[in-house]
Amino acid sequence: MATQISPCSSSSLHQEPIFGAKLLTLSRITSTPKWVSKIHPRIDPRNQFKLKSSNGYSLNAVSVQDVGAAEKPLAKEPVLPEQTESILSVTVVGASGDLAKKKIFPALFALFYEGCLPQNFVIYGYARTKMTDEQLRETISRTLTCRIDKRENCGDKMEEFLKRCFYHSGQYDSEEHFAELDKKLKQKEEGKLSNRLFYLSIPPNIFVDVVRSASCKASSQNGWTRVIVEKPFGRDSESSAELTKNLKQYLAEDQIFRIDHYLGKELVENLSVLRFSNLVFEPLWSRNYIRNVQFIFSEDFGTEGRGGYFDNYGIIRDIMQNHLLQILALFAMETPVSLDAEDIRNEKVKVLRSMRPLRLKDVVIGQYKGQSKGGKTYLGYAEDPTVPNDSLTPTFAAAALFIDNARWDGVPFLMKAGKALNTKRAEIRVQFRHVPGNLYKRNFGMDMDKATNELVLRVQPDEAIYLKINNKVPGLGMRLDRSDLNLLYKMRYPKEIPDAYERLLLDAIEGERRLFIRSDELDAAWSIFTPLLKELERKKITPELYPYGSRGPVGAHYLAAEYNVRWGDLAGDE
C-alpha cells in the first residue's frame, strides 16, 4: 500500500489550493443564487461544463462527513462565469493496459458518438510504454464499435474521435513527466477554461504517486480537476484508510470519484426506480413480507493465466466487499430525502453501519479444482502457473449477512460469488414469505417453496426483471403452475444498452457523484468484512474444493439451509 508522503509544495495548503482549484470563500458561496444551477438542463451536452450538477445541485457541495473533518481547508471546485468557453481534457493513466483499451476508450468514443461530450475536448493516454500518437490510435481503434442500432457515419465518427486522442509516455511518480503532459494539454486547450479528468487505470500501489505528480504539475489552474480511482480501495480497513488519507493530501473528497462499475449497470440503476416509483413494491419491501434476499454472481471461467492479481485479493475482496455489498446497500436503504448524491449516499451508509460484521460461521469459501469435461482439460486454480501451488485464496464464497434495523431485522441477506462455475450470471433474487393459511397448499404438496413468490432482477446477461407467481393451468381440473411476469429488456427495449463505464464516465464529467463511493461509505463497507478476512488469513482456513464448471462447493447449500433458504439460481429457470 502507498506510503505516507508529504505535500508537493513547501507552501501551506492554506495558500496553495489542492489540485489547482481556487479556494471558495464563504462570501462567494452565499452570494451565488441557487437558481443559477438550474439554467441549463442535463441533456444539453455542449453546456455541461457550465452546469452545477446533473441533478441541479451545486457541484462544489461538500459531503456531510467532511465538514470539520480536517484542520486545513479543502479546495472546492470554483464557481465559473457562465459565458466562459471551456474544454474537457481527459487523461487515461495506464493507457496501455487492458482496462483502458477494452473499456475506457470505447466508453469515451460511445459518449462522443452519442453527442454527450462537449464540442471542445481532448483525450490523452499516459503510461510508461513508449508509444506515438499514431500507435495509440491504432491500438484503441481495434476496440471501438458503434451502436448496433446506429451504424450511420460510423467510420467518420471514429476518425474524428481518434484525431482527438494523443499519447504521452512517462513514469507514474515523475513530476517532470507530468509537467511535460501539462504543457501538451495547455497547447490543446488554447487558453480556454480547462476542466481536467484523470482516470487512474493502474494498480492501487501507485495511486498516490500519480495523484501527487498530477496535482503538483498537471492540474487545472482555472477550472475543475477530478480523479476517477478504480478498485480495489485497499485490502482491509487499515490499508483503505491509509490510501484515503494519502489521497486527501492532494484532493478534496468531492474531487475523488471511486468507481464501482456495477453501480453503472442498467438493472442496478433501475433498482431504485422499481422500488420507489411503483406503489405495489414499497409496502412489501420489509421483513414483514420478504423472507430472504440473494445476491448472486458467477463466472464460467477461471483466472486462466491472470492469477497474479487475483491471488492477492480473492473473491471476497474482488466481488463481495464492493460489487455485491454496494447493490445490497441500494436495495435495503430507506427512502432518501431526494435524488441528490449526498442524500442517497447518506442512506447507503446508514445501511452499512447497521450491518453485523461477518463471522467465520456465516461464511463458506471454496477453490476450484481441475477436471476434464467434453474432451477438454480445465486446470485447477492452484495449477495456474501464475498462482502459488499452496495458495489458500478463495475463488468462491457464500455468506449470510444481517441488517440490524427495524425494516430488516432477522432477514438473511445471502451473497454468493465464484469463478469457474457452471454459468455466467449476476442477479438479485427476492424471495417472499409463504402465504399464511394457503388454501391451495395441497396442490403444491409438501414443498411450500414452490408456492413462494419471487422477484428476480437479472443484471447480466440478458437483462430482465421477472416476478414468479402462482396461477391455474387452463382445464377442467385444479392444477397450479408457476409462471413468470417477465420484462425482458432485449424484447421491450431493442436498442443496445450503454455500457456501465459510459454512464459512470458521463457522471464524473458532469460532477454527478450518486453512483460513486464516498470515503465514509468505504470505511463502513470494510468494517463488515475486515474481521472475517483477518481471521481467514490468521487461521489459514482451507477452502472447500469444487470441480471446474460445477455449481460450487456443497457447503454453500448447507449455509443456506441453516436459514431455511434454498438458492434461487438452482431452480433451473433462465
Foldseek 3Di string as FASTA:
>chain_A
DADADAAPDPDDCLPQAFLQADADDPVNVVVDDLCQQVPDALVQLQQLQLHCFNVSGHLQDAFPVPVVPDPHDHGTWDNDDSPFHEAEEEEEEVCVDPCNLQPVVQLVLACVVVVNHHPHYAYEYEEQDDDWLVRSLVRSVVNHDYWPVDDPCVVVSSVVNSVRYTYFYDDQQDLVSLLVVQVVVCVSGVPGQYEYEYEHPDDLRSVLSNLSSCRVRRGGNGGYYAYEYEDDCAQFLVSNVVSVVSNSSRHRLLRYFDDDLLCLFPLLVCLCVVAVVDPVHVVCLFPVWFQAKEWEFEAQADCQQVCQVCLVHADCSVDVLPNVLQSVLQSNFDDFPDLAQSRSQVRSLLQLLQKAAFDPVFKAFAFEAWDDDPNDTDHTPLRRPSHPVPRQGGQKMKGWIFGPDDGTHPHTYIYIYHYLAQDGWTKMKTWTDQDPPDPCVVLVPPPSSQQIKMWMATSDDQTKTKIWHKDADDDDDGHIDIDIPIDGCCVVPVTDDRRSSSVSVSNSVSSRRNSGHGSSSSSSSSSRHRVVVVVCVVVVDHHHYDYRNHRTDPVNQVSQVVSPHGDPVVPPDD
